[in-house]
Each structure stands twice: as C-alpha cells, then as structure tokens.
Amino acid sequence: MKPALIVHGDAWEIEEESHVERVAGVRAAAEAGWALLTAGGSALDAVERAVALMEDNPVLNAGVGSALNREGEIELDAIIMDGRTLALGAVAAVRGITNPVKLARLIMEDAVHSLLVGEGARRFAELKGMRLCAQAELTVSREVERFRRLQERASYHPTGQLSPDPMDTVGAVALDSAGNVAAATSTGGVHFKMPGRVGDSPLVGSGAYADNLAGAAATTGHGESIMRVVLAKTATDAAERGMSAQEAAEYAIRVLHERTGGFGGIIVVDPHGRVGYAYNTPQMAIAWVGEDGSIHAEIAQQAAGKDV
C-alpha cells in the first residue's frame, strides 16, 4: 500500500500576519510525518510526530502558543486513534504538558482507560516520566494580548459564528504501507473559554476517528457544533459507504452546516490512500503529500474543498 498523509493547522479566519509561519508549520509537520512513513514507519507514529511538531510551534493553538481561558489559564485537549485496533487515548483540560498528543499516546498504550482529564491526566503524565512544565513555557505574548482584549469585553462568549478570534486546532491523518490508518488532534481550545470547557477535539468520533475499514478523519472549528454531528465519524462512515476522501470531507462539512449552522474544517484519508479536505470557514491551513511524494502546503481560501 502506498502511504498517504494530510495535516491541518486550523480552519477559521486566519490572521494574515501569521500566514507565512503557519504554512511553514504545517509543511514541516507533513514532512516529518512523511519521512516516517516512507521509512516504513506506522501511521500512528506519523500522526503523533506531525501533531507534536505543531504543538511545539508557537504560531498554532496547541501546546506552546495555546489560548488562555477566562481565568488566564491554559488547558489542553488531545486525542490519538489507531485504525488497526480502534484503540485510542485522549486527554482533556490538562495543564503543564507541552505535548498532550504524546500523553494521549501513553494513555492509549499504558492506561486501562481511554480518556483522562485535568489533574488525573497530569498525574498520569508524571507517573510515566513525562516532563511537566510551568504555564509560562506554553504562553506567548499574542495570546496574553488577546486575553486582555477579551477581558475588557464583559459580554464576550465564544460562539460558532465566524469572528476574528480563531478556534485553532491542529490535526493529522495517515495511511501506512501496511494499510493501517491513524488520526490525531490537539488544541488549546477556544479563546476565553470557561475553565473546564472541553470541546470536540479529544472526543472520539468528533475530533478524530480512525478505522482501517473506513479511513481516518480529524476536525477543527466550533467544537460544540462538531460534537452534535460527530463530525469525524460522519466523514469516515461516508468513506466506508464508498465515497472518496474528498467526497466524504465535503459531505461531512455540509452536514455540519445544514444540521447545526456551525463552521469548521476536516481532513480525511480513505482506505484506498486518497486524501481530501473541506471547510466552510474563510480559510484553512493545510499540507498534504501529492501523488509524486511532493509536499503541498497553503492557506486554502474561499470556503471550498479541493481535490488533492
């Protein structure tokens, strides 16, 4: 089986000043994941590596550079799923972890549970030898300034409507040479969220899903809307029914908007190794591997999917 990979670095109204760095970030993530796949590595390792690199990128809202909640704190969510076994690991509302996707992988492999939250997730990370960090390590000036601006707007609440404040998430899906698929998603959540808020990202079937029989998908956008249609599972179910990755992505986004009025984006790989993406936001940061093995990366525009 020929490997396949596609990653995203958010779908929303992306600040123009971040475009160059964001494209470079998703390209680097795709290159890292692809290098693993072409060396015979697993889809699971590839999506973990790609997402971890994006968590390390302060331009993106995952790991370093994450959004601050209403109390000025950073709470992180992530998920990873293995399409071969349907095993998954997820973490929600955890603090002081630079790479929550790596913690999610540890949960998948070493815990009797699939989802750990808050202090329990942090204690598990410590038990497994992960380095804990102070919030200052995750905080960037851009998000402090955004927090202060939103703090002055007493009536501000994150909603599913498009606004200048993005709802960033990063994600990756892949197919390896053994025919196994995997998906991973990570986020700092919406800006100025209530403490303890958990969106779609760490929820199986909403933020990500992977099944060798159906493909894999990872989502981004307004979490409360995405949860209501179980967006990633909606896409992979469509692929299992025979839609291509691109058709499944477009179908899922259509369902999202028709049923909830919500906005978001999705990346998909189908069991045949075709990749696709779709979104109904103004833009989406995307990188994928072409048929010839070249990496394509861009800020896609004008709320349309694209055959890749």
Protein backbone atom coordinates (compact mmCIF):
# COMPACT_ATOMS: atom_id res chain seq x y z
CA MET A 1 0.00 0.00 0.00
CA LYS A 2 1.31 3.45 -0.88
CA PRO A 3 1.38 5.69 2.23
CA ALA A 4 -0.71 8.86 2.44
CA LEU A 5 -0.74 11.84 4.80
CA ILE A 6 -2.57 15.13 5.26
CA VAL A 7 -2.35 17.63 8.15
CA HIS A 8 -4.10 20.85 9.09
CA GLY A 9 -3.26 23.87 11.21
CA ASP A 10 -6.79 25.25 11.71
CA ALA A 11 -9.76 26.35 9.66
CA TRP A 12 -11.18 29.76 10.58
CA GLU A 13 -10.43 33.38 9.73
CA ILE A 14 -6.64 33.16 9.98
CA GLU A 15 -4.71 36.33 10.79
CA GLU A 16 -2.83 37.42 7.68
CA GLU A 17 0.35 38.19 9.60
CA SER A 18 0.60 34.51 10.59
CA HIS A 19 0.13 33.04 7.12
CA VAL A 20 3.78 32.54 6.20
CA GLU A 21 4.72 30.98 9.53
CA ARG A 22 1.57 28.86 9.63
CA VAL A 23 2.21 27.44 6.16
CA ALA A 24 5.79 26.70 7.16
CA GLY A 25 4.49 24.96 10.28
CA VAL A 26 2.07 22.63 8.53
CA ARG A 27 4.66 21.90 5.84
CA ALA A 28 7.24 20.92 8.46
CA ALA A 29 4.67 18.68 10.18
CA ALA A 30 3.80 16.97 6.90
CA GLU A 31 7.46 16.50 6.03
CA ALA A 32 8.19 14.92 9.41
CA GLY A 33 5.25 12.54 9.22
CA TRP A 34 6.02 11.64 5.62
CA ALA A 35 9.67 10.90 6.40
CA LEU A 36 8.50 8.37 8.95
CA LEU A 37 6.02 6.74 6.58
CA THR A 38 8.47 6.44 3.70
CA ALA A 39 10.98 4.81 6.05
CA GLY A 40 8.40 2.10 6.79
CA GLY A 41 7.01 3.67 9.96
CA SER A 42 3.44 3.33 11.17
CA ALA A 43 0.58 5.70 10.54
CA LEU A 44 0.23 6.02 14.32
CA ASP A 45 3.83 7.20 14.72
CA ALA A 46 3.45 9.57 11.75
CA VAL A 47 0.39 11.39 13.06
CA GLU A 48 1.89 11.64 16.54
CA ARG A 49 5.09 13.14 15.17
CA ALA A 50 3.26 15.59 12.90
CA VAL A 51 0.94 16.81 15.65
CA ALA A 52 3.73 17.05 18.24
CA LEU A 53 5.68 19.31 15.87
CA MET A 54 2.64 21.57 15.53
CA GLU A 55 2.24 21.59 19.33
CA ASP A 56 5.81 22.91 19.52
CA ASN A 57 5.01 25.72 17.07
CA PRO A 58 4.04 28.92 18.94
CA VAL A 59 2.08 30.22 15.93
CA LEU A 60 -0.54 27.50 16.43
CA ASN A 61 -3.05 26.95 19.25
CA ALA A 62 -1.86 23.60 20.59
CA GLY A 63 0.82 23.08 23.22
CA VAL A 64 3.08 26.13 23.09
CA GLY A 65 1.03 29.16 22.00
CA SER A 66 -2.30 27.88 23.30
CA ALA A 67 -5.28 30.07 24.10
CA LEU A 68 -5.97 31.35 27.61
CA ASN A 69 -9.28 30.64 29.30
CA ARG A 70 -11.36 33.15 31.30
CA GLU A 71 -9.04 32.83 34.27
CA GLY A 72 -5.89 33.27 32.19
CA GLU A 73 -5.01 29.58 32.34
CA ILE A 74 -4.09 27.10 29.60
CA GLU A 75 -6.00 23.81 29.47
CA LEU A 76 -5.13 21.38 26.70
CA ASP A 77 -7.02 18.61 24.86
CA ALA A 78 -5.74 15.90 22.51
CA ILE A 79 -6.60 12.51 21.02
CA ILE A 80 -4.87 9.81 19.02
CA MET A 81 -6.51 6.74 17.46
CA ASP A 82 -5.21 3.57 15.83
CA GLY A 83 -7.36 2.37 12.94
CA ARG A 84 -5.94 -1.14 13.09
CA THR A 85 -7.28 -1.94 16.57
CA LEU A 86 -9.63 1.01 17.24
CA ALA A 87 -7.51 1.71 20.32
CA LEU A 88 -7.45 5.35 21.39
CA GLY A 89 -6.06 7.63 24.03
CA ALA A 90 -7.27 11.11 24.90
CA VAL A 91 -6.61 13.88 27.38
CA ALA A 92 -8.75 16.88 28.28
CA ALA A 93 -8.34 20.08 30.30
CA VAL A 94 -4.80 19.15 31.32
CA ARG A 95 -2.26 21.76 32.38
CA GLY A 96 1.51 21.93 32.18
CA ILE A 97 2.11 19.47 29.32
CA THR A 98 4.00 20.65 26.24
CA ASN A 99 2.90 17.74 24.05
CA PRO A 100 -0.57 16.49 25.00
CA VAL A 101 -0.66 14.22 21.94
CA LYS A 102 2.25 12.26 23.41
CA LEU A 103 0.35 11.96 26.68
CA ALA A 104 -2.68 10.72 24.72
CA ARG A 105 -0.47 8.05 23.12
CA LEU A 106 0.75 6.97 26.57
CA ILE A 107 -2.84 6.71 27.77
CA MET A 108 -3.72 4.58 24.76
CA GLU A 109 -0.84 2.20 25.38
CA ASP A 110 -0.38 2.15 29.15
CA ALA A 111 -3.68 3.04 30.84
CA VAL A 112 -6.76 0.91 31.45
CA HIS A 113 -8.88 3.94 30.48
CA SER A 114 -9.10 5.82 27.20
CA LEU A 115 -9.68 9.41 28.38
CA LEU A 116 -8.10 11.17 31.35
CA VAL A 117 -8.84 14.76 32.35
CA GLY A 118 -7.41 17.57 34.44
CA GLU A 119 -5.27 16.72 37.42
CA GLY A 120 -5.70 12.98 36.85
CA ALA A 121 -4.17 13.30 33.40
CA ARG A 122 -1.32 15.38 34.76
CA ARG A 123 -0.59 12.81 37.49
CA PHE A 124 -0.56 10.02 34.90
CA ALA A 125 1.92 12.02 32.81
CA GLU A 126 4.17 12.42 35.84
CA LEU A 127 3.88 8.72 36.67
CA LYS A 128 5.02 7.86 33.15
CA GLY A 129 8.01 10.16 33.32
CA MET A 130 6.74 12.97 31.09
CA ARG A 131 8.28 16.33 31.85
CA LEU A 132 5.81 18.75 33.39
CA CYS A 133 6.16 22.46 32.69
CA ALA A 134 5.06 25.78 34.09
CA GLN A 135 2.35 27.62 32.20
CA ALA A 136 4.87 30.30 31.25
CA GLU A 137 6.50 27.77 28.93
CA LEU A 138 3.27 27.47 26.97
CA THR A 139 2.30 31.15 26.99
CA VAL A 140 3.02 33.56 24.15
CA SER A 141 2.52 37.33 24.06
CA ARG A 142 -0.07 37.11 21.27
CA GLU A 143 -2.43 35.14 23.49
CA VAL A 144 -1.82 37.34 26.55
CA GLU A 145 -2.78 40.37 24.46
CA ARG A 146 -5.86 38.59 23.12
CA PHE A 147 -6.87 37.58 26.66
CA ARG A 148 -6.61 41.17 27.90
CA ARG A 149 -8.65 42.46 24.96
CA LEU A 150 -11.39 39.89 25.51
CA GLN A 151 -11.32 40.53 29.24
CA GLU A 152 -12.39 44.09 28.55
CA ARG A 153 -15.46 42.81 26.71
CA ALA A 154 -17.59 41.69 29.64
CA SER A 155 -20.24 40.15 27.39
CA TYR A 156 -17.83 38.16 25.18
CA HIS A 157 -18.60 34.46 24.77
CA PRO A 158 -17.03 32.15 22.15
CA THR A 159 -19.71 31.05 19.68
CA GLY A 160 -19.99 29.11 16.46
CA GLN A 161 -20.21 32.33 14.47
CA LEU A 162 -17.19 33.48 12.47
CA SER A 163 -15.12 36.09 14.27
CA PRO A 164 -11.57 37.46 14.25
CA ASP A 165 -10.79 35.17 17.19
CA PRO A 166 -9.87 31.77 15.69
CA MET A 167 -10.81 28.42 17.18
CA ASP A 168 -7.50 26.81 16.32
CA THR A 169 -6.88 23.09 16.40
CA VAL A 170 -4.16 21.01 14.72
CA GLY A 171 -4.55 17.52 13.32
CA ALA A 172 -3.12 14.79 11.13
CA VAL A 173 -4.38 11.62 9.42
CA ALA A 174 -2.28 8.99 7.67
CA LEU A 175 -2.23 5.62 5.94
CA ASP A 176 0.92 3.49 6.15
CA SER A 177 2.39 0.87 3.83
CA ALA A 178 0.70 -1.91 5.83
CA GLY A 179 -2.70 -0.39 5.10
CA ASN A 180 -3.27 0.91 8.63
CA VAL A 181 -4.75 4.36 9.26
CA ALA A 182 -4.44 6.69 12.25
CA ALA A 183 -5.63 10.12 13.33
CA ALA A 184 -4.55 12.67 15.92
CA THR A 185 -5.86 16.06 17.04
CA SER A 186 -4.62 18.60 19.59
CA THR A 187 -5.83 22.01 20.76
CA GLY A 188 -5.68 24.72 23.37
CA GLY A 189 -9.41 25.21 22.85
CA VAL A 190 -11.38 28.35 22.16
CA HIS A 191 -10.13 31.68 23.41
CA PHE A 192 -11.59 32.91 26.71
CA LYS A 193 -13.42 29.63 27.30
CA MET A 194 -14.88 28.73 30.68
CA PRO A 195 -12.44 26.81 32.91
CA GLY A 196 -13.00 23.10 32.42
CA ARG A 197 -14.58 23.50 28.99
CA VAL A 198 -13.88 20.54 26.72
CA GLY A 199 -14.66 20.75 23.03
CA ASP A 200 -14.75 18.20 20.26
CA SER A 201 -11.01 17.64 19.90
CA PRO A 202 -10.43 14.85 22.49
CA LEU A 203 -13.79 13.16 21.86
CA VAL A 204 -13.67 10.00 19.76
CA GLY A 205 -15.73 10.41 16.60
CA SER A 206 -15.91 14.18 16.93
CA GLY A 207 -12.35 15.50 16.96
CA ALA A 208 -10.86 12.43 15.30
CA TYR A 209 -11.65 8.89 14.22
CA ALA A 210 -9.68 6.08 12.60
CA ASP A 211 -10.79 2.66 11.36
CA ASN A 212 -8.96 0.61 8.75
CA LEU A 213 -12.32 -0.29 7.21
CA ALA A 214 -13.39 3.34 6.82
CA GLY A 215 -10.33 5.59 6.83
CA ALA A 216 -9.43 8.37 9.22
CA ALA A 217 -10.50 11.97 9.84
CA ALA A 218 -9.52 14.90 12.05
CA THR A 219 -11.56 18.07 12.57
CA THR A 220 -11.25 21.70 13.56
CA GLY A 221 -13.68 24.55 14.16
CA HIS A 222 -16.55 25.24 16.55
CA GLY A 223 -16.42 22.27 18.89
CA GLU A 224 -19.94 22.49 20.24
CA SER A 225 -21.29 22.22 16.70
CA ILE A 226 -18.85 19.48 15.67
CA MET A 227 -19.84 17.34 18.66
CA ARG A 228 -23.51 17.49 17.70
CA VAL A 229 -22.93 15.73 14.37
CA VAL A 230 -19.94 13.58 15.47
CA LEU A 231 -18.12 15.07 12.50
CA ALA A 232 -15.09 12.79 12.13
CA LYS A 233 -17.25 9.65 12.32
CA THR A 234 -19.72 11.18 9.89
CA ALA A 235 -16.89 11.51 7.37
CA THR A 236 -15.40 8.04 7.87
CA ASP A 237 -18.83 6.44 7.70
CA ALA A 238 -19.32 8.15 4.34
CA ALA A 239 -15.95 6.83 3.16
CA GLU A 240 -16.90 3.32 4.25
CA ARG A 241 -20.05 3.63 2.15
CA GLY A 242 -17.86 4.23 -0.90
CA MET A 243 -17.26 7.98 -1.05
CA SER A 244 -13.74 9.16 -1.82
CA ALA A 245 -11.86 11.06 0.88
CA GLN A 246 -12.73 14.35 -0.80
CA GLU A 247 -16.39 13.47 -1.21
CA ALA A 248 -16.59 12.33 2.42
CA ALA A 249 -14.96 15.56 3.64
CA GLU A 250 -17.36 17.72 1.67
CA TYR A 251 -20.34 15.66 2.79
CA ALA A 252 -19.37 15.97 6.47
CA ILE A 253 -18.98 19.74 6.30
CA ARG A 254 -22.31 20.00 4.54
CA VAL A 255 -23.93 18.02 7.35
CA LEU A 256 -22.22 20.24 9.94
CA HIS A 257 -23.65 23.42 8.47
CA GLU A 258 -27.08 22.11 7.49
CA ARG A 259 -27.76 20.50 10.86
CA THR A 260 -26.12 22.97 13.28
CA GLY A 261 -25.22 26.13 11.36
CA GLY A 262 -21.67 25.59 12.63
CA PHE A 263 -18.34 26.29 10.99
CA GLY A 264 -15.26 24.12 10.73
CA GLY A 265 -12.94 22.03 8.63
CA ILE A 266 -11.94 18.40 8.22
CA ILE A 267 -9.14 16.30 6.74
CA VAL A 268 -9.75 12.71 5.58
CA VAL A 269 -7.78 9.74 4.29
CA ASP A 270 -9.79 6.82 2.90
CA PRO A 271 -8.80 3.11 2.91
CA HIS A 272 -7.51 3.45 -0.66
CA GLY A 273 -4.98 6.12 0.31
CA ARG A 274 -6.82 9.07 -1.18
CA VAL A 275 -6.78 12.26 0.89
CA GLY A 276 -9.12 15.23 0.91
CA TYR A 277 -10.26 18.19 2.95
CA ALA A 278 -13.19 20.57 3.14
CA TYR A 279 -14.23 23.59 5.20
CA ASN A 280 -16.91 26.26 5.35
CA THR A 281 -14.75 28.90 7.03
CA PRO A 282 -12.93 31.65 5.14
CA GLN A 283 -9.60 29.79 5.23
CA MET A 284 -7.86 26.56 6.19
CA ALA A 285 -4.17 25.88 6.79
CA ILE A 286 -3.37 22.60 5.10
CA ALA A 287 -0.47 20.41 3.95
CA TRP A 288 -0.58 17.09 2.12
CA VAL A 289 1.61 14.72 0.15
CA GLY A 290 0.96 14.59 -3.57
CA GLU A 291 0.99 11.53 -5.83
CA ASP A 292 4.64 12.18 -6.65
CA GLY A 293 5.65 12.44 -2.98
CA SER A 294 5.97 16.24 -3.01
CA ILE A 295 4.66 18.26 -0.07
CA HIS A 296 1.99 20.87 -0.79
CA ALA A 297 1.17 23.48 1.85
CA GLU A 298 -1.07 26.53 1.74
CA ILE A 299 -3.68 28.69 3.37
CA ALA A 300 -6.67 27.50 1.35
CA GLN A 301 -9.20 30.24 0.60
CA GLN A 302 -12.86 30.88 -0.10
CA ALA A 303 -14.61 28.05 1.72
CA ALA A 304 -14.15 25.26 -0.78
CA GLY A 305 -12.72 21.80 -0.71
CA LYS A 306 -10.01 20.76 -3.11
CA ASP A 307 -9.14 17.51 -4.84
CA VAL A 308 -5.62 16.55 -3.78
